[in-house]
């Protein structure tokens, strides 16, 4: 899942994460977990060829990985 919002004035906000469902013999036994949640903020410092201007485009990006507390543990499934 990725939610991306650009303000049009050189700012962009992104929220992303993965919905993980571990394999388990009982489908009701393990609920899905939201993992790898990240919030990032992007800012264009210099408009260039990527914005149809002359010269290089320069941008910065800061990101925060939000802890979810979920741990992946291997589950053995009987054959």
C-alpha atoms as a PDB file:
ATOM      1  CA  UNK A   1       0.000   0.000   0.000  1.00  0.00           C
ATOM      2  CA  UNK A   2       1.368   3.406  -0.925  1.00  0.00           C
ATOM      3  CA  UNK A   3      -0.399   6.728  -0.351  1.00  0.00           C
ATOM      4  CA  UNK A   4       1.310   9.566  -2.158  1.00  0.00           C
ATOM      5  CA  UNK A   5       0.320  13.252  -1.954  1.00  0.00           C
ATOM      6  CA  UNK A   6       2.087  15.990  -3.912  1.00  0.00           C
ATOM      7  CA  UNK A   7       1.276  19.589  -3.042  1.00  0.00           C
ATOM      8  CA  UNK A   8       2.262  20.978  -6.452  1.00  0.00           C
ATOM      9  CA  UNK A   9       4.685  23.442  -4.881  1.00  0.00           C
ATOM     10  CA  UNK A  10       7.655  21.051  -4.734  1.00  0.00           C
ATOM     11  CA  UNK A  11       6.575  19.052  -1.670  1.00  0.00           C
ATOM     12  CA  UNK A  12       5.489  15.412  -1.588  1.00  0.00           C
ATOM     13  CA  UNK A  13       4.326  13.244   1.322  1.00  0.00           C
ATOM     14  CA  UNK A  14       4.351   9.438   1.137  1.00  0.00           C
ATOM     15  CA  UNK A  15       2.962   6.838   3.551  1.00  0.00           C
ATOM     16  CA  UNK A  16       3.630   3.191   2.726  1.00  0.00           C
ATOM     17  CA  UNK A  17       3.410  -0.222   4.334  1.00  0.00           C
ATOM     18  CA  UNK A  18       3.043  -3.928   3.645  1.00  0.00           C
ATOM     19  CA  UNK A  19       0.087  -6.069   4.667  1.00  0.00           C
ATOM     20  CA  UNK A  20       1.575  -9.489   5.436  1.00  0.00           C
ATOM     21  CA  UNK A  21      -0.296 -12.720   6.059  1.00  0.00           C
ATOM     22  CA  UNK A  22       1.849 -15.597   7.283  1.00  0.00           C
ATOM     23  CA  UNK A  23       1.124 -19.116   6.087  1.00  0.00           C
ATOM     24  CA  UNK A  24      -0.604 -21.244   8.701  1.00  0.00           C
ATOM     25  CA  UNK A  25      -2.609 -24.509   8.534  1.00  0.00           C
ATOM     26  CA  UNK A  26      -5.599 -22.766  10.148  1.00  0.00           C
ATOM     27  CA  UNK A  27      -6.653 -19.750   7.985  1.00  0.00           C
ATOM     28  CA  UNK A  28      -8.258 -18.114  11.018  1.00  0.00           C
ATOM     29  CA  UNK A  29      -5.171 -18.723  13.183  1.00  0.00           C
ATOM     30  CA  UNK A  30      -2.958 -15.839  12.047  1.00  0.00           C
ATOM     31  CA  UNK A  31      -4.364 -12.350  11.410  1.00  0.00           C
ATOM     32  CA  UNK A  32      -2.722 -10.157   8.741  1.00  0.00           C
ATOM     33  CA  UNK A  33      -0.024  -7.786  10.027  1.00  0.00           C
ATOM     34  CA  UNK A  34       0.892  -4.333   8.778  1.00  0.00           C
ATOM     35  CA  UNK A  35       4.700  -4.170   8.521  1.00  0.00           C
ATOM     36  CA  UNK A  36       7.429  -1.942   7.113  1.00  0.00           C
ATOM     37  CA  UNK A  37       5.393   1.234   7.710  1.00  0.00           C
ATOM     38  CA  UNK A  38       7.289   4.278   6.482  1.00  0.00           C
ATOM     39  CA  UNK A  39       6.521   7.996   6.230  1.00  0.00           C
ATOM     40  CA  UNK A  40       8.646  10.096   3.896  1.00  0.00           C
ATOM     41  CA  UNK A  41       8.814  13.764   2.977  1.00  0.00           C
ATOM     42  CA  UNK A  42      10.292  14.967  -0.316  1.00  0.00           C
ATOM     43  CA  UNK A  43      11.236  18.500  -1.370  1.00  0.00           C
ATOM     44  CA  UNK A  44      12.462  19.744  -4.757  1.00  0.00           C
ATOM     45  CA  UNK A  45      15.404  22.065  -4.135  1.00  0.00           C
ATOM     46  CA  UNK A  46      16.124  22.932  -7.769  1.00  0.00           C
ATOM     47  CA  UNK A  47      13.781  22.488 -10.699  1.00  0.00           C
ATOM     48  CA  UNK A  48      15.555  21.002 -13.710  1.00  0.00           C
ATOM     49  CA  UNK A  49      15.051  18.594 -16.596  1.00  0.00           C
ATOM     50  CA  UNK A  50      12.567  16.463 -14.642  1.00  0.00           C
ATOM     51  CA  UNK A  51      10.347  19.561 -14.338  1.00  0.00           C
ATOM     52  CA  UNK A  52      10.977  20.531 -18.014  1.00  0.00           C
ATOM     53  CA  UNK A  53      13.552  23.227 -17.109  1.00  0.00           C
ATOM     54  CA  UNK A  54      17.251  23.502 -17.985  1.00  0.00           C
ATOM     55  CA  UNK A  55      19.930  21.872 -15.833  1.00  0.00           C
ATOM     56  CA  UNK A  56      19.853  19.121 -13.210  1.00  0.00           C
ATOM     57  CA  UNK A  57      16.931  18.495 -10.886  1.00  0.00           C
ATOM     58  CA  UNK A  58      17.923  18.373  -7.207  1.00  0.00           C
ATOM     59  CA  UNK A  59      15.690  17.062  -4.425  1.00  0.00           C
ATOM     60  CA  UNK A  60      15.925  15.812  -0.856  1.00  0.00           C
ATOM     61  CA  UNK A  61      14.029  13.026   0.882  1.00  0.00           C
ATOM     62  CA  UNK A  62      13.722  12.255   4.586  1.00  0.00           C
ATOM     63  CA  UNK A  63      12.050   9.078   5.811  1.00  0.00           C
ATOM     64  CA  UNK A  64      10.968   7.581   9.123  1.00  0.00           C
ATOM     65  CA  UNK A  65      10.455   3.841   9.512  1.00  0.00           C
ATOM     66  CA  UNK A  66       7.688   3.328  12.077  1.00  0.00           C
ATOM     67  CA  UNK A  67       8.132   0.265  14.327  1.00  0.00           C
ATOM     68  CA  UNK A  68       5.164  -2.094  14.162  1.00  0.00           C
ATOM     69  CA  UNK A  69       6.265  -4.661  16.759  1.00  0.00           C
ATOM     70  CA  UNK A  70       5.551  -7.574  14.429  1.00  0.00           C
ATOM     71  CA  UNK A  71       8.135 -10.331  14.142  1.00  0.00           C
ATOM     72  CA  UNK A  72       8.233 -12.870  11.410  1.00  0.00           C
ATOM     73  CA  UNK A  73       8.788 -16.365  12.661  1.00  0.00           C
ATOM     74  CA  UNK A  74       8.963 -19.384  10.390  1.00  0.00           C
ATOM     75  CA  UNK A  75       5.906 -21.611  10.546  1.00  0.00           C
ATOM     76  CA  UNK A  76       6.269 -25.227   9.519  1.00  0.00           C
ATOM     77  CA  UNK A  77       3.329 -26.544   7.530  1.00  0.00           C
ATOM     78  CA  UNK A  78       2.754 -30.314   7.544  1.00  0.00           C
ATOM     79  CA  UNK A  79       3.133 -31.907   4.118  1.00  0.00           C
END
